[in-house]
N, C-alpha and C. Protein backbone atom coordinates (compact mmCIF):
# COMPACT_ATOMS: atom_id res chain seq x y z
N MET A 1 198.36 -22.95 -31.66
CA MET A 1 198.68 -22.68 -30.29
C MET A 1 197.43 -22.90 -29.44
N LYS A 2 197.59 -23.62 -28.34
CA LYS A 2 196.47 -23.91 -27.46
C LYS A 2 196.48 -22.96 -26.27
N PHE A 3 195.29 -22.41 -26.00
CA PHE A 3 195.14 -21.60 -24.81
C PHE A 3 194.26 -22.38 -23.83
N SER A 4 194.87 -22.96 -22.84
CA SER A 4 194.09 -23.71 -21.85
C SER A 4 194.14 -23.04 -20.49
N ASN A 5 194.50 -21.81 -20.50
CA ASN A 5 194.63 -21.08 -19.25
C ASN A 5 193.24 -20.79 -18.67
N GLY A 6 192.90 -21.42 -17.57
CA GLY A 6 191.62 -21.15 -16.91
C GLY A 6 190.43 -21.85 -17.55
N PHE A 7 190.66 -22.77 -18.47
CA PHE A 7 189.54 -23.47 -19.11
C PHE A 7 189.17 -24.71 -18.30
N ASP A 8 187.90 -24.85 -18.03
CA ASP A 8 187.40 -26.01 -17.30
C ASP A 8 186.22 -26.59 -18.07
N ALA A 9 186.39 -27.80 -18.57
CA ALA A 9 185.35 -28.42 -19.41
C ALA A 9 184.10 -28.75 -18.60
N ARG A 10 184.22 -28.89 -17.29
CA ARG A 10 183.05 -29.22 -16.47
C ARG A 10 182.03 -28.09 -16.44
N ARG A 11 182.48 -26.87 -16.71
CA ARG A 11 181.54 -25.75 -16.74
C ARG A 11 180.61 -25.81 -17.94
N LEU A 12 181.02 -26.52 -19.00
CA LEU A 12 180.17 -26.61 -20.19
C LEU A 12 178.99 -27.56 -19.99
N ARG A 13 179.16 -28.52 -19.12
CA ARG A 13 178.10 -29.49 -18.90
C ARG A 13 177.08 -28.93 -17.92
N PRO A 14 175.80 -29.18 -18.19
CA PRO A 14 174.79 -28.71 -17.24
C PRO A 14 174.86 -29.54 -15.97
N ARG A 15 174.51 -28.93 -14.87
CA ARG A 15 174.53 -29.64 -13.59
C ARG A 15 173.35 -30.61 -13.55
N ASN A 16 173.63 -31.80 -13.10
CA ASN A 16 172.56 -32.78 -12.96
C ASN A 16 171.74 -32.46 -11.72
N GLY A 17 170.43 -32.38 -11.92
CA GLY A 17 169.56 -32.14 -10.79
C GLY A 17 169.38 -33.41 -9.99
N SER A 18 168.68 -33.28 -8.91
CA SER A 18 168.46 -34.47 -8.09
C SER A 18 167.39 -35.35 -8.73
N ASN A 19 167.63 -36.64 -8.71
CA ASN A 19 166.71 -37.59 -9.34
C ASN A 19 165.72 -38.19 -8.36
N TRP A 20 165.80 -37.83 -7.09
CA TRP A 20 164.92 -38.48 -6.12
C TRP A 20 163.47 -38.12 -6.36
N ARG A 21 163.18 -36.94 -6.88
CA ARG A 21 161.78 -36.57 -7.15
C ARG A 21 161.18 -37.44 -8.24
N PHE A 22 161.96 -37.70 -9.29
CA PHE A 22 161.45 -38.51 -10.39
C PHE A 22 161.36 -39.98 -9.98
N ARG A 23 162.29 -40.43 -9.14
CA ARG A 23 162.20 -41.81 -8.65
C ARG A 23 160.98 -42.00 -7.75
N LEU A 24 160.74 -41.04 -6.88
CA LEU A 24 159.57 -41.10 -6.02
C LEU A 24 158.29 -41.02 -6.84
N GLY A 25 158.28 -40.16 -7.85
CA GLY A 25 157.12 -40.05 -8.73
C GLY A 25 156.87 -41.33 -9.51
N ALA A 26 157.93 -41.99 -9.96
CA ALA A 26 157.77 -43.25 -10.69
C ALA A 26 157.23 -44.34 -9.77
N GLY A 27 157.69 -44.37 -8.54
CA GLY A 27 157.18 -45.36 -7.58
C GLY A 27 155.72 -45.11 -7.24
N LEU A 28 155.37 -43.85 -7.04
CA LEU A 28 153.97 -43.51 -6.76
C LEU A 28 153.07 -43.81 -7.95
N ALA A 29 153.57 -43.57 -9.14
CA ALA A 29 152.81 -43.89 -10.35
C ALA A 29 152.60 -45.39 -10.50
N ALA A 30 153.62 -46.17 -10.15
CA ALA A 30 153.47 -47.63 -10.20
C ALA A 30 152.42 -48.10 -9.20
N LEU A 31 152.37 -47.47 -8.02
CA LEU A 31 151.33 -47.81 -7.05
C LEU A 31 149.95 -47.45 -7.57
N PHE A 32 149.82 -46.28 -8.21
CA PHE A 32 148.53 -45.90 -8.80
C PHE A 32 148.09 -46.92 -9.84
N ALA A 33 149.01 -47.33 -10.69
CA ALA A 33 148.67 -48.30 -11.72
C ALA A 33 148.27 -49.64 -11.10
N THR A 34 148.95 -50.05 -10.04
CA THR A 34 148.62 -51.31 -9.38
C THR A 34 147.23 -51.24 -8.75
N PHE A 35 146.94 -50.16 -8.05
CA PHE A 35 145.61 -50.01 -7.45
C PHE A 35 144.53 -49.91 -8.52
N GLY A 36 144.87 -49.29 -9.64
CA GLY A 36 143.91 -49.21 -10.74
C GLY A 36 143.57 -50.59 -11.30
N VAL A 37 144.58 -51.43 -11.45
CA VAL A 37 144.34 -52.80 -11.94
C VAL A 37 143.50 -53.57 -10.94
N MET A 38 143.79 -53.41 -9.65
CA MET A 38 143.03 -54.14 -8.63
C MET A 38 141.57 -53.70 -8.59
N LEU A 39 141.33 -52.40 -8.66
CA LEU A 39 139.95 -51.91 -8.65
C LEU A 39 139.20 -52.36 -9.90
N THR A 40 139.86 -52.34 -11.03
CA THR A 40 139.23 -52.78 -12.28
C THR A 40 138.88 -54.26 -12.21
N MET A 41 139.79 -55.06 -11.69
CA MET A 41 139.51 -56.49 -11.58
C MET A 41 138.38 -56.77 -10.60
N ALA A 42 138.34 -56.04 -9.48
CA ALA A 42 137.27 -56.26 -8.50
C ALA A 42 135.92 -55.85 -9.08
N GLY A 43 135.87 -54.73 -9.77
CA GLY A 43 134.61 -54.30 -10.38
C GLY A 43 134.17 -55.23 -11.49
N THR A 44 135.11 -55.72 -12.29
CA THR A 44 134.77 -56.65 -13.37
C THR A 44 134.28 -57.98 -12.82
N ALA A 45 134.90 -58.45 -11.73
CA ALA A 45 134.45 -59.70 -11.11
C ALA A 45 133.03 -59.56 -10.60
N THR A 46 132.68 -58.43 -10.03
CA THR A 46 131.32 -58.21 -9.56
C THR A 46 130.34 -58.14 -10.72
N LEU A 47 130.74 -57.50 -11.81
CA LEU A 47 129.86 -57.41 -12.98
C LEU A 47 129.64 -58.76 -13.64
N LEU A 48 130.63 -59.65 -13.54
CA LEU A 48 130.51 -60.97 -14.15
C LEU A 48 129.77 -61.97 -13.27
N GLY A 49 129.36 -61.56 -12.08
CA GLY A 49 128.55 -62.42 -11.23
C GLY A 49 129.30 -63.14 -10.15
N GLN A 50 130.56 -62.86 -9.96
CA GLN A 50 131.33 -63.47 -8.88
C GLN A 50 130.97 -62.75 -7.57
N PRO A 51 131.31 -63.34 -6.45
CA PRO A 51 131.01 -62.67 -5.17
C PRO A 51 131.70 -61.30 -5.10
N ALA A 52 131.08 -60.41 -4.38
CA ALA A 52 131.60 -59.05 -4.28
C ALA A 52 132.96 -59.05 -3.60
N ALA A 53 133.91 -58.35 -4.18
CA ALA A 53 135.27 -58.32 -3.64
C ALA A 53 135.37 -57.37 -2.45
N PHE A 54 134.57 -56.33 -2.42
CA PHE A 54 134.62 -55.35 -1.34
C PHE A 54 133.43 -55.47 -0.41
N GLY A 55 132.78 -56.61 -0.37
CA GLY A 55 131.63 -56.80 0.51
C GLY A 55 130.45 -55.98 0.02
N PRO A 56 129.79 -55.29 0.93
CA PRO A 56 128.59 -54.54 0.53
C PRO A 56 128.90 -53.26 -0.26
N LEU A 57 130.20 -52.95 -0.44
CA LEU A 57 130.56 -51.71 -1.13
C LEU A 57 130.19 -51.74 -2.61
N ASN A 58 130.32 -52.90 -3.25
CA ASN A 58 130.02 -52.95 -4.68
C ASN A 58 129.09 -54.12 -5.02
N GLU A 59 127.97 -54.21 -4.32
CA GLU A 59 127.03 -55.29 -4.61
C GLU A 59 126.19 -55.01 -5.85
N SER A 60 125.90 -53.76 -6.12
CA SER A 60 125.06 -53.44 -7.27
C SER A 60 125.92 -53.24 -8.52
N PRO A 61 125.33 -53.45 -9.69
CA PRO A 61 126.10 -53.27 -10.93
C PRO A 61 126.54 -51.83 -11.17
N THR A 62 125.79 -50.86 -10.67
CA THR A 62 126.19 -49.47 -10.89
C THR A 62 127.45 -49.13 -10.11
N THR A 63 127.52 -49.57 -8.86
CA THR A 63 128.73 -49.28 -8.09
C THR A 63 129.92 -50.08 -8.62
N ALA A 64 129.64 -51.29 -9.14
CA ALA A 64 130.73 -52.07 -9.74
C ALA A 64 131.26 -51.39 -10.99
N SER A 65 130.37 -50.82 -11.79
CA SER A 65 130.84 -50.12 -12.99
C SER A 65 131.58 -48.84 -12.63
N VAL A 66 131.17 -48.19 -11.54
CA VAL A 66 131.91 -47.02 -11.07
C VAL A 66 133.32 -47.44 -10.62
N LEU A 67 133.42 -48.59 -9.96
CA LEU A 67 134.74 -49.09 -9.57
C LEU A 67 135.61 -49.39 -10.78
N VAL A 68 135.00 -49.96 -11.82
CA VAL A 68 135.75 -50.23 -13.05
C VAL A 68 136.24 -48.92 -13.66
N GLY A 69 135.38 -47.91 -13.70
CA GLY A 69 135.77 -46.62 -14.26
C GLY A 69 136.89 -45.95 -13.47
N ILE A 70 136.76 -45.97 -12.15
CA ILE A 70 137.81 -45.38 -11.31
C ILE A 70 139.12 -46.16 -11.46
N GLY A 71 139.01 -47.48 -11.55
CA GLY A 71 140.20 -48.31 -11.72
C GLY A 71 140.90 -48.03 -13.03
N LEU A 72 140.13 -47.90 -14.11
CA LEU A 72 140.74 -47.58 -15.41
C LEU A 72 141.36 -46.19 -15.41
N LEU A 73 140.71 -45.26 -14.74
CA LEU A 73 141.26 -43.91 -14.64
C LEU A 73 142.58 -43.92 -13.87
N LEU A 74 142.60 -44.62 -12.72
CA LEU A 74 143.84 -44.71 -11.95
C LEU A 74 144.94 -45.41 -12.74
N LEU A 75 144.57 -46.45 -13.47
CA LEU A 75 145.56 -47.16 -14.28
C LEU A 75 146.16 -46.26 -15.35
N SER A 76 145.32 -45.51 -16.05
CA SER A 76 145.84 -44.65 -17.11
C SER A 76 146.68 -43.51 -16.55
N VAL A 77 146.25 -42.92 -15.44
CA VAL A 77 147.04 -41.84 -14.82
C VAL A 77 148.37 -42.39 -14.33
N GLY A 78 148.35 -43.57 -13.74
CA GLY A 78 149.59 -44.18 -13.26
C GLY A 78 150.56 -44.48 -14.37
N VAL A 79 150.06 -45.01 -15.49
CA VAL A 79 150.95 -45.34 -16.62
C VAL A 79 151.51 -44.07 -17.24
N LEU A 80 150.69 -43.05 -17.42
CA LEU A 80 151.18 -41.80 -18.01
C LEU A 80 152.21 -41.12 -17.11
N LEU A 81 151.93 -41.09 -15.81
CA LEU A 81 152.88 -40.47 -14.88
C LEU A 81 154.18 -41.27 -14.82
N TRP A 82 154.09 -42.58 -14.83
CA TRP A 82 155.28 -43.43 -14.80
C TRP A 82 156.13 -43.21 -16.04
N ARG A 83 155.50 -43.14 -17.21
CA ARG A 83 156.24 -42.93 -18.44
C ARG A 83 156.93 -41.57 -18.44
N ARG A 84 156.25 -40.54 -17.93
CA ARG A 84 156.84 -39.21 -17.89
C ARG A 84 158.04 -39.17 -16.95
N CYS A 85 157.92 -39.81 -15.80
CA CYS A 85 159.04 -39.82 -14.85
C CYS A 85 160.20 -40.63 -15.40
N ARG A 86 159.94 -41.75 -16.03
CA ARG A 86 161.01 -42.55 -16.60
C ARG A 86 161.71 -41.81 -17.74
N ARG A 87 160.96 -41.05 -18.52
CA ARG A 87 161.56 -40.28 -19.61
C ARG A 87 162.47 -39.20 -19.04
N ARG A 88 162.06 -38.57 -17.95
CA ARG A 88 162.90 -37.54 -17.33
C ARG A 88 164.15 -38.14 -16.70
N LEU A 89 164.01 -39.36 -16.13
CA LEU A 89 165.17 -40.00 -15.53
C LEU A 89 166.20 -40.41 -16.57
N ARG A 90 165.76 -40.80 -17.74
CA ARG A 90 166.67 -41.30 -18.77
C ARG A 90 167.09 -40.22 -19.76
N ARG A 91 166.76 -38.97 -19.49
CA ARG A 91 167.16 -37.88 -20.38
C ARG A 91 168.67 -37.73 -20.36
N PRO A 92 169.26 -37.61 -21.52
CA PRO A 92 170.73 -37.47 -21.54
C PRO A 92 171.14 -36.13 -20.94
N SER A 93 172.22 -36.17 -20.18
CA SER A 93 172.68 -34.95 -19.52
C SER A 93 174.07 -34.55 -20.01
N ASP A 94 174.50 -35.09 -21.14
CA ASP A 94 175.81 -34.74 -21.65
C ASP A 94 175.69 -33.59 -22.64
N LEU A 95 176.79 -33.23 -23.23
CA LEU A 95 176.80 -32.14 -24.19
C LEU A 95 176.03 -32.53 -25.44
N SER A 96 175.27 -31.61 -25.96
CA SER A 96 174.54 -31.86 -27.19
C SER A 96 175.29 -31.21 -28.35
N MET A 97 175.44 -31.97 -29.41
CA MET A 97 176.09 -31.43 -30.60
C MET A 97 175.07 -31.27 -31.70
N ALA A 98 175.29 -30.30 -32.52
CA ALA A 98 174.40 -30.08 -33.66
C ALA A 98 174.51 -31.27 -34.62
N PRO A 99 173.41 -31.67 -35.26
CA PRO A 99 173.46 -32.84 -36.14
C PRO A 99 174.41 -32.67 -37.31
N HIS A 100 174.60 -31.44 -37.80
CA HIS A 100 175.48 -31.28 -38.96
C HIS A 100 176.96 -31.37 -38.59
N LEU A 101 177.27 -31.37 -37.30
CA LEU A 101 178.65 -31.51 -36.87
C LEU A 101 179.03 -32.96 -36.60
N MET A 102 178.03 -33.84 -36.58
CA MET A 102 178.31 -35.25 -36.31
C MET A 102 178.94 -35.89 -37.54
N LYS A 103 179.54 -37.05 -37.32
CA LYS A 103 180.19 -37.76 -38.40
C LYS A 103 179.14 -38.28 -39.38
N LYS A 104 179.38 -38.10 -40.65
CA LYS A 104 178.43 -38.58 -41.67
C LYS A 104 178.53 -40.08 -41.78
N ARG A 105 177.40 -40.74 -41.86
CA ARG A 105 177.36 -42.20 -42.01
C ARG A 105 176.69 -42.54 -43.32
N ASP A 106 177.18 -43.61 -43.93
CA ASP A 106 176.62 -43.99 -45.24
C ASP A 106 175.24 -44.55 -45.12
């Protein structure tokens, strides 16, 4: 005998939160990574003897190496933040079943 009186399956599913925060975070992280690549390339070009990309800002090798360091830091922070936001966006929001209740496969 089935009792379906007052049963609503939608109550079992968790409510999906808003994704705009994670989308905005992923976009901002992509910008960080892009700026990090640009700063790293500009600092590396100065260290290799090419004309300074930022004019008098990075004429010396020490400031160029600082630019490379800041660029690599921005790149790594951007990639880590982007991966975290993408993981949160792609998280499954359906019902989770225990592994021992799933169908056995050979």
